Amino acid sequence: MSLTVAYGFIYSNELQGRSLSNDQYLEIMYGSMLGRASDAPGKAYWLNLMRNGMSKYNVLVGFVGSNEFDRICRDFGIRKRVVPPLRLGYFCNNPLMV
């Protein structure tokens, strides 16, 4: 799954219309990107970043760029494209990427 495909899912009209809390968003990310429920330390890490201004888009980039997601892709023979580094100053202030 490339970032573009993941973005299309996460930013679909159907999902955006649900007005998800950060907590709910993270549960969807863990389930859809990593195929598992969140773990308490990992979820606390992401929630803290989001409380301090990290956009949902950058959370998506973080999941796609994670070692765990890399392993899942390798296990299924999926070749990933390189994810651009987080640009917090741009994405946190860009209303299209919140």
C-alpha atoms as a PDB file:
ATOM      1  CA  MET A   1       0.000   0.000   0.000  1.00  0.00           C
ATOM      2  CA  SER A   2       1.501   3.285  -0.994  1.00  0.00           C
ATOM      3  CA  LEU A   3       0.968   6.560   0.797  1.00  0.00           C
ATOM      4  CA  THR A   4      -1.394   7.584  -2.007  1.00  0.00           C
ATOM      5  CA  VAL A   5      -3.621   4.533  -1.511  1.00  0.00           C
ATOM      6  CA  ALA A   6      -3.580   4.941   2.271  1.00  0.00           C
ATOM      7  CA  TYR A   7      -4.366   8.640   1.896  1.00  0.00           C
ATOM      8  CA  GLY A   8      -7.334   7.820  -0.353  1.00  0.00           C
ATOM      9  CA  PHE A   9      -8.744   5.497   2.291  1.00  0.00           C
ATOM     10  CA  ILE A  10      -8.125   7.704   5.326  1.00  0.00           C
ATOM     11  CA  TYR A  11      -9.314  10.877   3.579  1.00  0.00           C
ATOM     12  CA  SER A  12     -12.319   9.320   1.845  1.00  0.00           C
ATOM     13  CA  ASN A  13     -15.633  11.175   2.099  1.00  0.00           C
ATOM     14  CA  GLU A  14     -17.055   8.269   4.063  1.00  0.00           C
ATOM     15  CA  LEU A  15     -14.354   8.358   6.738  1.00  0.00           C
ATOM     16  CA  GLN A  16     -14.082  12.149   6.864  1.00  0.00           C
ATOM     17  CA  GLY A  17     -17.837  12.419   7.382  1.00  0.00           C
ATOM     18  CA  ARG A  18     -17.519  10.545  10.661  1.00  0.00           C
ATOM     19  CA  SER A  19     -15.766  13.420  12.510  1.00  0.00           C
ATOM     20  CA  LEU A  20     -13.388  11.059  14.282  1.00  0.00           C
ATOM     21  CA  SER A  21     -11.663  11.959  17.520  1.00  0.00           C
ATOM     22  CA  ASN A  22      -7.888  11.529  17.622  1.00  0.00           C
ATOM     23  CA  ASP A  23      -8.410   8.370  19.675  1.00  0.00           C
ATOM     24  CA  GLN A  24     -10.783   6.887  17.091  1.00  0.00           C
ATOM     25  CA  TYR A  25      -8.485   7.911  14.234  1.00  0.00           C
ATOM     26  CA  LEU A  26      -5.556   6.118  15.855  1.00  0.00           C
ATOM     27  CA  GLU A  27      -7.567   2.940  16.345  1.00  0.00           C
ATOM     28  CA  ILE A  28      -8.407   2.988  12.630  1.00  0.00           C
ATOM     29  CA  MET A  29      -4.734   3.566  11.781  1.00  0.00           C
ATOM     30  CA  TYR A  30      -3.565   0.661  13.920  1.00  0.00           C
ATOM     31  CA  GLY A  31      -6.243  -1.650  12.552  1.00  0.00           C
ATOM     32  CA  SER A  32      -5.993  -0.724   8.869  1.00  0.00           C
ATOM     33  CA  MET A  33      -2.238  -0.092   8.589  1.00  0.00           C
ATOM     34  CA  LEU A  34      -0.802  -2.580  11.082  1.00  0.00           C
ATOM     35  CA  GLY A  35      -3.614  -5.122  11.324  1.00  0.00           C
ATOM     36  CA  ARG A  36      -3.802  -5.000  15.094  1.00  0.00           C
ATOM     37  CA  ALA A  37      -5.208  -3.106  18.046  1.00  0.00           C
ATOM     38  CA  SER A  38      -3.201  -0.245  19.474  1.00  0.00           C
ATOM     39  CA  ASP A  39      -0.786  -0.803  22.341  1.00  0.00           C
ATOM     40  CA  ALA A  40      -0.976   1.628  25.266  1.00  0.00           C
ATOM     41  CA  PRO A  41       2.542   3.130  24.943  1.00  0.00           C
ATOM     42  CA  GLY A  42       2.263   3.537  21.161  1.00  0.00           C
ATOM     43  CA  LYS A  43      -1.163   5.106  21.325  1.00  0.00           C
ATOM     44  CA  ALA A  44      -0.060   7.478  24.094  1.00  0.00           C
ATOM     45  CA  TYR A  45       2.924   8.492  21.948  1.00  0.00           C
ATOM     46  CA  TRP A  46       0.739   9.384  18.950  1.00  0.00           C
ATOM     47  CA  LEU A  47      -1.945  11.100  21.051  1.00  0.00           C
ATOM     48  CA  ASN A  48       0.710  13.282  22.667  1.00  0.00           C
ATOM     49  CA  LEU A  49       2.062  14.292  19.252  1.00  0.00           C
ATOM     50  CA  MET A  50      -1.443  15.092  18.025  1.00  0.00           C
ATOM     51  CA  ARG A  51      -2.207  17.157  21.148  1.00  0.00           C
ATOM     52  CA  ASN A  52       0.944  19.127  20.378  1.00  0.00           C
ATOM     53  CA  GLY A  53      -0.065  19.911  16.809  1.00  0.00           C
ATOM     54  CA  MET A  54       0.808  16.905  14.652  1.00  0.00           C
ATOM     55  CA  SER A  55      -1.726  16.610  11.847  1.00  0.00           C
ATOM     56  CA  LYS A  56      -3.593  13.423  11.040  1.00  0.00           C
ATOM     57  CA  TYR A  57      -1.761  13.421   7.723  1.00  0.00           C
ATOM     58  CA  ASN A  58       1.615  13.314   9.477  1.00  0.00           C
ATOM     59  CA  VAL A  59       0.357  10.473  11.675  1.00  0.00           C
ATOM     60  CA  LEU A  60      -0.505   8.614   8.455  1.00  0.00           C
ATOM     61  CA  VAL A  61       3.005   9.317   7.114  1.00  0.00           C
ATOM     62  CA  GLY A  62       4.449   8.043  10.390  1.00  0.00           C
ATOM     63  CA  PHE A  63       2.519   4.767  10.195  1.00  0.00           C
ATOM     64  CA  VAL A  64       3.429   4.224   6.530  1.00  0.00           C
ATOM     65  CA  GLY A  65       7.082   4.947   7.326  1.00  0.00           C
ATOM     66  CA  SER A  66       7.245   2.723  10.407  1.00  0.00           C
ATOM     67  CA  ASN A  67       9.441  -0.361  10.713  1.00  0.00           C
ATOM     68  CA  GLU A  68       6.364  -2.427  11.545  1.00  0.00           C
ATOM     69  CA  PHE A  69       4.620  -1.397   8.327  1.00  0.00           C
ATOM     70  CA  ASP A  70       7.841  -2.063   6.380  1.00  0.00           C
ATOM     71  CA  ARG A  71       7.902  -5.610   7.788  1.00  0.00           C
ATOM     72  CA  ILE A  72       4.258  -6.189   6.886  1.00  0.00           C
ATOM     73  CA  CYS A  73       4.912  -5.012   3.318  1.00  0.00           C
ATOM     74  CA  ARG A  74       7.984  -7.275   3.006  1.00  0.00           C
ATOM     75  CA  ASP A  75       6.022 -10.251   4.368  1.00  0.00           C
ATOM     76  CA  PHE A  76       3.417  -9.764   1.628  1.00  0.00           C
ATOM     77  CA  GLY A  77       5.927  -8.982  -1.113  1.00  0.00           C
ATOM     78  CA  ILE A  78       4.793  -5.365  -1.433  1.00  0.00           C
ATOM     79  CA  ARG A  79       7.380  -2.855  -2.604  1.00  0.00           C
ATOM     80  CA  LYS A  80       6.884   0.483  -0.902  1.00  0.00           C
ATOM     81  CA  ARG A  81       7.744   3.873  -2.268  1.00  0.00           C
ATOM     82  CA  VAL A  82       9.793   6.113  -0.032  1.00  0.00           C
ATOM     83  CA  VAL A  83       7.658   8.341   2.188  1.00  0.00           C
ATOM     84  CA  PRO A  84       8.763  11.986   2.350  1.00  0.00           C
ATOM     85  CA  PRO A  85      10.052  13.093   5.761  1.00  0.00           C
ATOM     86  CA  LEU A  86       7.665  14.810   8.118  1.00  0.00           C
ATOM     87  CA  ARG A  87       7.423  18.520   7.512  1.00  0.00           C
ATOM     88  CA  LEU A  88       5.597  19.571  10.639  1.00  0.00           C
ATOM     89  CA  GLY A  89       5.740  23.296   9.992  1.00  0.00           C
ATOM     90  CA  TYR A  90       4.009  22.850   6.633  1.00  0.00           C
ATOM     91  CA  PHE A  91       1.493  20.133   7.415  1.00  0.00           C
ATOM     92  CA  CYS A  92       0.420  21.353  10.858  1.00  0.00           C
ATOM     93  CA  ASN A  93      -0.476  24.731   9.385  1.00  0.00           C
ATOM     94  CA  ASN A  94      -2.043  23.468   6.173  1.00  0.00           C
ATOM     95  CA  PRO A  95      -5.826  23.097   6.587  1.00  0.00           C
ATOM     96  CA  LEU A  96      -5.904  20.519   3.798  1.00  0.00           C
ATOM     97  CA  MET A  97      -3.607  18.204   5.753  1.00  0.00           C
ATOM     98  CA  VAL A  98      -5.283  18.265   9.169  1.00  0.00           C
END
